[in-house]
Amino acid sequence: MTDPRHPWRDPALRPVVTASLTLATAVGVFAISFGVGAVSAGASVAQTCAMSLLVFTGASQLSAISVIGAGGSTASALGGALVLAARNGVYALTMGRRIEGRLPTRLVAAQFTIDESTAMSVAQDDPVAQRAAFWITGGCIYLFWNLGTLIGALLGTAVDPVTFGLDAAFPAAYVAMVWPQLRTPRGRWAGMLGAAICISLVPVLPVGVPILCAALAVLVGIAPEHSTSAPRAGAST
């Protein structure tokens, strides 16, 4: 069991630190493309950095910038970002039982509650290691994401995203996020339904709104399953 007095010195956490730094480095590199894309879409360096500092959820940030860059409204961009950020609320329900501390500590923890920090935490065996993994992962990724954003934003006025292929970074990110979900029948049905809704509404609705409507396809994935097997003999009804 991890020593609660000095959890950071526990050799068992070295793989967590290594994995966190590896993840953070990859995230930081991708954040550079986000910074370049955000500035190219019309945001200032300060606005781009403030978004990463305050929002800190890559999928939502990419969604908002993509919609605005395509000429969509602020409401459409915000709506799509909120839909993608909703999953962090589910993570918070899980992490709320593991993270201890007063209100300021919990507020910082809320900012660090993302896919990677939650996954790294729940993979640990004891509560002390879970908390340590959460803070290590969340802190590393927060630092590298914001450093990458700053570098990308500063380069944004000097780099042409099309020339360097950075304009494809946003769509590639979404494909990477969606691909694991397509391994299940429900995921494939939800993906096809969402694509059909979006494509059918693109000609008649403003930019960004078809994406929000396509989010209704998630209902296919979360609907309760109904057992098709026959009841066993003697089972109670």
C-alpha atoms as a PDB file:
ATOM      1  CA  MET A   1       0.000   0.000   0.000  1.00  0.00           C
ATOM      2  CA  THR A   2       1.203   3.516  -0.786  1.00  0.00           C
ATOM      3  CA  ASP A   3       2.529   5.504   2.162  1.00  0.00           C
ATOM      4  CA  PRO A   4      -0.045   8.265   2.786  1.00  0.00           C
ATOM      5  CA  ARG A   5       2.638  10.538   4.257  1.00  0.00           C
ATOM      6  CA  HIS A   6       4.905  10.488   1.177  1.00  0.00           C
ATOM      7  CA  PRO A   7       2.898   9.139  -1.758  1.00  0.00           C
ATOM      8  CA  TRP A   8       5.108  10.884  -4.336  1.00  0.00           C
ATOM      9  CA  ARG A   9       8.188   8.873  -3.252  1.00  0.00           C
ATOM     10  CA  ASP A  10       6.549   5.506  -3.726  1.00  0.00           C
ATOM     11  CA  PRO A  11       8.413   3.485  -6.398  1.00  0.00           C
ATOM     12  CA  ALA A  12       5.069   1.994  -7.422  1.00  0.00           C
ATOM     13  CA  LEU A  13       4.089   5.398  -8.808  1.00  0.00           C
ATOM     14  CA  ARG A  14       7.058   5.642 -11.151  1.00  0.00           C
ATOM     15  CA  PRO A  15       5.122   4.003 -14.013  1.00  0.00           C
ATOM     16  CA  VAL A  16       2.351   6.543 -13.405  1.00  0.00           C
ATOM     17  CA  VAL A  17       4.818   9.421 -13.651  1.00  0.00           C
ATOM     18  CA  THR A  18       6.336   7.965 -16.827  1.00  0.00           C
ATOM     19  CA  ALA A  19       2.928   7.404 -18.412  1.00  0.00           C
ATOM     20  CA  SER A  20       1.753  10.876 -17.379  1.00  0.00           C
ATOM     21  CA  LEU A  21       4.783  12.575 -18.904  1.00  0.00           C
ATOM     22  CA  THR A  22       4.379  10.554 -22.100  1.00  0.00           C
ATOM     23  CA  LEU A  23       0.710  11.495 -22.350  1.00  0.00           C
ATOM     24  CA  ALA A  24       1.453  15.117 -21.504  1.00  0.00           C
ATOM     25  CA  THR A  25       4.129  15.350 -24.202  1.00  0.00           C
ATOM     26  CA  ALA A  26       1.739  14.006 -26.847  1.00  0.00           C
ATOM     27  CA  VAL A  27      -1.011  16.337 -25.654  1.00  0.00           C
ATOM     28  CA  GLY A  28       1.398  19.280 -25.689  1.00  0.00           C
ATOM     29  CA  VAL A  29       2.379  18.606 -29.299  1.00  0.00           C
ATOM     30  CA  PHE A  30      -1.264  18.456 -30.295  1.00  0.00           C
ATOM     31  CA  ALA A  31      -1.945  21.660 -28.332  1.00  0.00           C
ATOM     32  CA  ILE A  32       0.457  23.447 -30.661  1.00  0.00           C
ATOM     33  CA  SER A  33      -1.832  22.676 -33.587  1.00  0.00           C
ATOM     34  CA  PHE A  34      -4.785  23.882 -31.528  1.00  0.00           C
ATOM     35  CA  GLY A  35      -3.033  27.181 -30.811  1.00  0.00           C
ATOM     36  CA  VAL A  36      -2.197  27.684 -34.483  1.00  0.00           C
ATOM     37  CA  GLY A  37      -5.739  26.810 -35.546  1.00  0.00           C
ATOM     38  CA  ALA A  38      -7.371  29.042 -32.959  1.00  0.00           C
ATOM     39  CA  VAL A  39      -5.357  32.098 -33.988  1.00  0.00           C
ATOM     40  CA  SER A  40      -5.955  31.309 -37.656  1.00  0.00           C
ATOM     41  CA  ALA A  41      -9.697  31.170 -36.922  1.00  0.00           C
ATOM     42  CA  GLY A  42      -9.572  34.736 -35.610  1.00  0.00           C
ATOM     43  CA  ALA A  43      -8.808  34.409 -31.901  1.00  0.00           C
ATOM     44  CA  SER A  44      -6.048  36.459 -30.336  1.00  0.00           C
ATOM     45  CA  VAL A  45      -3.097  34.917 -28.516  1.00  0.00           C
ATOM     46  CA  ALA A  46      -4.591  35.990 -25.178  1.00  0.00           C
ATOM     47  CA  GLN A  47      -8.017  34.563 -26.005  1.00  0.00           C
ATOM     48  CA  THR A  48      -6.508  31.266 -27.158  1.00  0.00           C
ATOM     49  CA  CYS A  49      -4.412  30.883 -24.006  1.00  0.00           C
ATOM     50  CA  ALA A  50      -7.304  31.895 -21.757  1.00  0.00           C
ATOM     51  CA  MET A  51      -9.446  29.189 -23.343  1.00  0.00           C
ATOM     52  CA  SER A  52      -6.889  26.503 -22.520  1.00  0.00           C
ATOM     53  CA  LEU A  53      -6.320  27.841 -19.007  1.00  0.00           C
ATOM     54  CA  LEU A  54     -10.004  28.079 -18.110  1.00  0.00           C
ATOM     55  CA  VAL A  55     -11.747  25.447 -20.234  1.00  0.00           C
ATOM     56  CA  PHE A  56      -9.037  22.752 -20.390  1.00  0.00           C
ATOM     57  CA  THR A  57     -10.911  20.136 -22.336  1.00  0.00           C
ATOM     58  CA  GLY A  58      -9.375  19.572 -25.720  1.00  0.00           C
ATOM     59  CA  ALA A  59     -12.404  18.111 -27.491  1.00  0.00           C
ATOM     60  CA  SER A  60     -14.622  21.050 -26.493  1.00  0.00           C
ATOM     61  CA  GLN A  61     -11.985  23.587 -27.466  1.00  0.00           C
ATOM     62  CA  LEU A  62     -11.432  21.957 -30.838  1.00  0.00           C
ATOM     63  CA  SER A  63     -15.170  21.817 -31.453  1.00  0.00           C
ATOM     64  CA  ALA A  64     -15.679  25.488 -30.639  1.00  0.00           C
ATOM     65  CA  ILE A  65     -12.794  26.661 -32.798  1.00  0.00           C
ATOM     66  CA  SER A  66     -13.856  24.431 -35.688  1.00  0.00           C
ATOM     67  CA  VAL A  67     -17.394  25.823 -35.682  1.00  0.00           C
ATOM     68  CA  ILE A  68     -16.264  29.450 -35.387  1.00  0.00           C
ATOM     69  CA  GLY A  69     -13.594  28.964 -38.052  1.00  0.00           C
ATOM     70  CA  ALA A  70     -16.252  27.601 -40.407  1.00  0.00           C
ATOM     71  CA  GLY A  71     -18.397  30.675 -39.864  1.00  0.00           C
ATOM     72  CA  GLY A  72     -20.773  29.295 -37.238  1.00  0.00           C
ATOM     73  CA  SER A  73     -22.357  31.327 -34.481  1.00  0.00           C
ATOM     74  CA  THR A  74     -21.071  31.612 -30.936  1.00  0.00           C
ATOM     75  CA  ALA A  75     -24.191  29.821 -29.695  1.00  0.00           C
ATOM     76  CA  SER A  76     -23.529  26.862 -31.981  1.00  0.00           C
ATOM     77  CA  ALA A  77     -19.899  26.700 -30.924  1.00  0.00           C
ATOM     78  CA  LEU A  78     -20.830  26.858 -27.236  1.00  0.00           C
ATOM     79  CA  GLY A  79     -23.557  24.239 -27.618  1.00  0.00           C
ATOM     80  CA  GLY A  80     -21.246  21.709 -29.241  1.00  0.00           C
ATOM     81  CA  ALA A  81     -18.517  22.357 -26.694  1.00  0.00           C
ATOM     82  CA  LEU A  82     -20.911  21.824 -23.794  1.00  0.00           C
ATOM     83  CA  VAL A  83     -22.141  18.527 -25.236  1.00  0.00           C
ATOM     84  CA  LEU A  84     -18.578  17.234 -25.453  1.00  0.00           C
ATOM     85  CA  ALA A  85     -17.688  18.548 -21.999  1.00  0.00           C
ATOM     86  CA  ALA A  86     -20.658  16.818 -20.379  1.00  0.00           C
ATOM     87  CA  ARG A  87     -18.659  13.604 -20.006  1.00  0.00           C
ATOM     88  CA  ASN A  88     -16.389  15.351 -17.501  1.00  0.00           C
ATOM     89  CA  GLY A  89     -19.399  15.665 -15.214  1.00  0.00           C
ATOM     90  CA  VAL A  90     -19.665  11.873 -15.206  1.00  0.00           C
ATOM     91  CA  TYR A  91     -15.975  11.629 -14.349  1.00  0.00           C
ATOM     92  CA  ALA A  92     -16.534  14.067 -11.483  1.00  0.00           C
ATOM     93  CA  LEU A  93     -19.078  11.706  -9.931  1.00  0.00           C
ATOM     94  CA  THR A  94     -16.407   9.015  -9.890  1.00  0.00           C
ATOM     95  CA  MET A  95     -13.549  11.200  -8.668  1.00  0.00           C
ATOM     96  CA  GLY A  96     -15.623  12.978  -6.024  1.00  0.00           C
ATOM     97  CA  ARG A  97     -15.360   9.885  -3.828  1.00  0.00           C
ATOM     98  CA  ARG A  98     -11.579   9.726  -4.199  1.00  0.00           C
ATOM     99  CA  ILE A  99     -10.392  13.333  -3.946  1.00  0.00           C
ATOM    100  CA  GLU A 100     -10.194  14.780  -0.453  1.00  0.00           C
ATOM    101  CA  GLY A 101      -9.621  18.347   0.684  1.00  0.00           C
ATOM    102  CA  ARG A 102     -11.307  21.669   1.221  1.00  0.00           C
ATOM    103  CA  LEU A 103     -13.139  23.735  -1.362  1.00  0.00           C
ATOM    104  CA  PRO A 104     -10.033  25.293  -3.032  1.00  0.00           C
ATOM    105  CA  THR A 105      -8.497  21.840  -3.471  1.00  0.00           C
ATOM    106  CA  ARG A 106     -11.707  20.468  -4.920  1.00  0.00           C
ATOM    107  CA  LEU A 107     -11.995  23.389  -7.335  1.00  0.00           C
ATOM    108  CA  VAL A 108      -8.527  22.666  -8.693  1.00  0.00           C
ATOM    109  CA  ALA A 109      -9.401  18.968  -8.841  1.00  0.00           C
ATOM    110  CA  ALA A 110     -12.502  19.827 -10.887  1.00  0.00           C
ATOM    111  CA  GLN A 111     -10.271  21.559 -13.432  1.00  0.00           C
ATOM    112  CA  PHE A 112      -7.997  18.515 -13.613  1.00  0.00           C
ATOM    113  CA  THR A 113     -10.857  16.030 -14.079  1.00  0.00           C
ATOM    114  CA  ILE A 114     -10.349  14.834 -17.640  1.00  0.00           C
ATOM    115  CA  ASP A 115     -10.197  11.500 -19.458  1.00  0.00           C
ATOM    116  CA  GLU A 116      -6.531  10.804 -18.729  1.00  0.00           C
ATOM    117  CA  SER A 117      -6.444  11.778 -15.044  1.00  0.00           C
ATOM    118  CA  THR A 118      -9.605   9.790 -14.316  1.00  0.00           C
ATOM    119  CA  ALA A 119      -8.366   6.705 -16.151  1.00  0.00           C
ATOM    120  CA  MET A 120      -4.958   6.809 -14.461  1.00  0.00           C
ATOM    121  CA  SER A 121      -6.540   7.213 -11.043  1.00  0.00           C
ATOM    122  CA  VAL A 122      -9.069   4.400 -11.239  1.00  0.00           C
ATOM    123  CA  ALA A 123      -6.337   2.042 -12.468  1.00  0.00           C
ATOM    124  CA  GLN A 124      -4.595   2.209  -9.066  1.00  0.00           C
ATOM    125  CA  ASP A 125      -5.270  -0.227  -6.240  1.00  0.00           C
ATOM    126  CA  ASP A 126      -5.412   1.858  -3.066  1.00  0.00           C
ATOM    127  CA  PRO A 127      -6.958   5.298  -2.347  1.00  0.00           C
ATOM    128  CA  VAL A 128      -3.654   7.092  -1.714  1.00  0.00           C
ATOM    129  CA  ALA A 129      -2.218   5.908  -5.030  1.00  0.00           C
ATOM    130  CA  GLN A 130      -5.452   6.866  -6.775  1.00  0.00           C
ATOM    131  CA  ARG A 131      -5.235  10.432  -5.505  1.00  0.00           C
ATOM    132  CA  ALA A 132      -1.528  10.699  -6.329  1.00  0.00           C
ATOM    133  CA  ALA A 133      -2.069   9.398  -9.858  1.00  0.00           C
ATOM    134  CA  PHE A 134      -4.913  11.852 -10.383  1.00  0.00           C
ATOM    135  CA  TRP A 135      -2.847  14.877  -9.365  1.00  0.00           C
ATOM    136  CA  ILE A 136       0.295  13.786 -11.227  1.00  0.00           C
ATOM    137  CA  THR A 137      -1.556  13.106 -14.468  1.00  0.00           C
ATOM    138  CA  GLY A 138      -3.844  16.119 -14.296  1.00  0.00           C
ATOM    139  CA  GLY A 139      -1.009  18.501 -13.400  1.00  0.00           C
ATOM    140  CA  CYS A 140       1.345  17.261 -16.123  1.00  0.00           C
ATOM    141  CA  ILE A 141      -1.273  17.415 -18.854  1.00  0.00           C
ATOM    142  CA  TYR A 142      -2.540  20.839 -17.741  1.00  0.00           C
ATOM    143  CA  LEU A 143       0.997  22.239 -17.864  1.00  0.00           C
ATOM    144  CA  PHE A 144       1.904  20.758 -21.250  1.00  0.00           C
ATOM    145  CA  TRP A 145      -1.465  21.582 -22.820  1.00  0.00           C
ATOM    146  CA  ASN A 146      -1.121  25.235 -21.913  1.00  0.00           C
ATOM    147  CA  LEU A 147       2.537  25.430 -22.930  1.00  0.00           C
ATOM    148  CA  GLY A 148       1.659  23.877 -26.289  1.00  0.00           C
ATOM    149  CA  THR A 149      -1.250  26.261 -26.727  1.00  0.00           C
ATOM    150  CA  LEU A 150       0.987  29.253 -26.048  1.00  0.00           C
ATOM    151  CA  ILE A 151       3.627  28.081 -28.520  1.00  0.00           C
ATOM    152  CA  GLY A 152       1.014  27.385 -31.182  1.00  0.00           C
ATOM    153  CA  ALA A 153      -0.728  30.708 -30.624  1.00  0.00           C
ATOM    154  CA  LEU A 154       2.543  32.609 -30.944  1.00  0.00           C
ATOM    155  CA  LEU A 155       3.297  30.737 -34.164  1.00  0.00           C
ATOM    156  CA  GLY A 156      -0.252  31.184 -35.446  1.00  0.00           C
ATOM    157  CA  THR A 157       0.349  34.397 -37.325  1.00  0.00           C
ATOM    158  CA  ALA A 158       3.500  33.042 -38.983  1.00  0.00           C
ATOM    159  CA  VAL A 159       2.378  29.509 -39.871  1.00  0.00           C
ATOM    160  CA  ASP A 160      -0.122  28.617 -42.581  1.00  0.00           C
ATOM    161  CA  PRO A 161      -2.140  25.638 -41.243  1.00  0.00           C
ATOM    162  CA  VAL A 162      -2.942  24.444 -44.781  1.00  0.00           C
ATOM    163  CA  THR A 163       0.703  24.413 -45.865  1.00  0.00           C
ATOM    164  CA  PHE A 164       1.774  22.334 -42.864  1.00  0.00           C
ATOM    165  CA  GLY A 165      -1.325  20.145 -42.855  1.00  0.00           C
ATOM    166  CA  LEU A 166      -2.502  21.424 -39.468  1.00  0.00           C
ATOM    167  CA  ASP A 167      -5.978  22.053 -40.870  1.00  0.00           C
ATOM    168  CA  ALA A 168      -6.455  18.275 -40.808  1.00  0.00           C
ATOM    169  CA  ALA A 169      -5.535  18.024 -37.124  1.00  0.00           C
ATOM    170  CA  PHE A 170      -9.030  18.813 -35.836  1.00  0.00           C
ATOM    171  CA  PRO A 171     -10.893  16.224 -37.963  1.00  0.00           C
ATOM    172  CA  ALA A 172      -8.163  13.668 -37.199  1.00  0.00           C
ATOM    173  CA  ALA A 173      -8.638  14.245 -33.493  1.00  0.00           C
ATOM    174  CA  TYR A 174     -12.347  13.481 -33.709  1.00  0.00           C
ATOM    175  CA  VAL A 175     -11.718  10.334 -35.730  1.00  0.00           C
ATOM    176  CA  ALA A 176      -9.263   9.185 -33.053  1.00  0.00           C
ATOM    177  CA  MET A 177     -11.832   9.795 -30.306  1.00  0.00           C
ATOM    178  CA  VAL A 178     -14.707   8.123 -32.122  1.00  0.00           C
ATOM    179  CA  TRP A 179     -12.854   5.128 -33.554  1.00  0.00           C
ATOM    180  CA  PRO A 180     -12.809   2.990 -30.349  1.00  0.00           C
ATOM    181  CA  GLN A 181     -16.587   3.409 -30.042  1.00  0.00           C
ATOM    182  CA  LEU A 182     -17.122   1.924 -33.493  1.00  0.00           C
ATOM    183  CA  ARG A 183     -15.958  -1.491 -32.289  1.00  0.00           C
ATOM    184  CA  THR A 184     -19.384  -2.184 -30.796  1.00  0.00           C
ATOM    185  CA  PRO A 185     -22.684  -2.595 -32.686  1.00  0.00           C
ATOM    186  CA  ARG A 186     -24.280   0.227 -30.697  1.00  0.00           C
ATOM    187  CA  GLY A 187     -21.353   2.496 -31.442  1.00  0.00           C
ATOM    188  CA  ARG A 188     -21.635   1.819 -35.163  1.00  0.00           C
ATOM    189  CA  TRP A 189     -25.392   2.434 -35.166  1.00  0.00           C
ATOM    190  CA  ALA A 190     -24.936   5.677 -33.228  1.00  0.00           C
ATOM    191  CA  GLY A 191     -22.176   6.785 -35.607  1.00  0.00           C
ATOM    192  CA  MET A 192     -24.219   6.095 -38.721  1.00  0.00           C
ATOM    193  CA  LEU A 193     -27.314   7.757 -37.293  1.00  0.00           C
ATOM    194  CA  GLY A 194     -25.347  10.826 -36.198  1.00  0.00           C
ATOM    195  CA  ALA A 195     -23.734  11.122 -39.630  1.00  0.00           C
ATOM    196  CA  ALA A 196     -27.110  10.788 -41.352  1.00  0.00           C
ATOM    197  CA  ILE A 197     -28.691  13.476 -39.149  1.00  0.00           C
ATOM    198  CA  CYS A 198     -25.797  15.866 -39.655  1.00  0.00           C
ATOM    199  CA  ILE A 199     -25.566  15.414 -43.441  1.00  0.00           C
ATOM    200  CA  SER A 200     -29.322  15.791 -43.927  1.00  0.00           C
ATOM    201  CA  LEU A 201     -29.450  19.039 -41.928  1.00  0.00           C
ATOM    202  CA  VAL A 202     -26.326  20.747 -43.323  1.00  0.00           C
ATOM    203  CA  PRO A 203     -28.187  22.291 -46.313  1.00  0.00           C
ATOM    204  CA  VAL A 204     -30.967  23.816 -44.189  1.00  0.00           C
ATOM    205  CA  LEU A 205     -29.437  24.824 -40.836  1.00  0.00           C
ATOM    206  CA  PRO A 206     -26.661  27.278 -39.854  1.00  0.00           C
ATOM    207  CA  VAL A 207     -23.100  26.038 -39.382  1.00  0.00           C
ATOM    208  CA  GLY A 208     -22.685  24.121 -36.141  1.00  0.00           C
ATOM    209  CA  VAL A 209     -26.375  23.404 -35.543  1.00  0.00           C
ATOM    210  CA  PRO A 210     -26.396  20.102 -37.510  1.00  0.00           C
ATOM    211  CA  ILE A 211     -23.608  18.845 -35.236  1.00  0.00           C
ATOM    212  CA  LEU A 212     -25.699  19.627 -32.168  1.00  0.00           C
ATOM    213  CA  CYS A 213     -28.670  17.792 -33.646  1.00  0.00           C
ATOM    214  CA  ALA A 214     -26.470  14.820 -34.542  1.00  0.00           C
ATOM    215  CA  ALA A 215     -25.617  14.488 -30.851  1.00  0.00           C
ATOM    216  CA  LEU A 216     -29.095  12.989 -30.386  1.00  0.00           C
ATOM    217  CA  ALA A 217     -27.662   9.797 -31.856  1.00  0.00           C
ATOM    218  CA  VAL A 218     -25.991   9.182 -28.507  1.00  0.00           C
ATOM    219  CA  LEU A 219     -29.384   8.002 -27.264  1.00  0.00           C
ATOM    220  CA  VAL A 220     -28.812   4.822 -29.257  1.00  0.00           C
ATOM    221  CA  GLY A 221     -25.695   4.128 -27.246  1.00  0.00           C
ATOM    222  CA  ILE A 222     -27.140   4.780 -23.799  1.00  0.00           C
ATOM    223  CA  ALA A 223     -30.566   3.190 -24.242  1.00  0.00           C
ATOM    224  CA  PRO A 224     -31.050   0.199 -21.913  1.00  0.00           C
ATOM    225  CA  GLU A 225     -30.612  -3.199 -23.459  1.00  0.00           C
ATOM    226  CA  HIS A 226     -33.497  -5.644 -23.509  1.00  0.00           C
ATOM    227  CA  SER A 227     -32.722  -9.293 -23.012  1.00  0.00           C
ATOM    228  CA  THR A 228     -33.936 -11.484 -25.857  1.00  0.00           C
ATOM    229  CA  SER A 229     -33.262 -14.787 -24.119  1.00  0.00           C
ATOM    230  CA  ALA A 230     -36.189 -16.872 -22.970  1.00  0.00           C
ATOM    231  CA  PRO A 231     -36.792 -17.065 -19.224  1.00  0.00           C
ATOM    232  CA  ARG A 232     -35.447 -20.139 -17.534  1.00  0.00           C
ATOM    233  CA  ALA A 233     -37.834 -22.789 -16.305  1.00  0.00           C
ATOM    234  CA  GLY A 234     -38.854 -22.236 -12.742  1.00  0.00           C
ATOM    235  CA  ALA A 235     -37.702 -18.620 -12.684  1.00  0.00           C
ATOM    236  CA  SER A 236     -39.904 -16.180 -10.833  1.00  0.00           C
ATOM    237  CA  THR A 237     -41.704 -13.466 -12.803  1.00  0.00           C
END
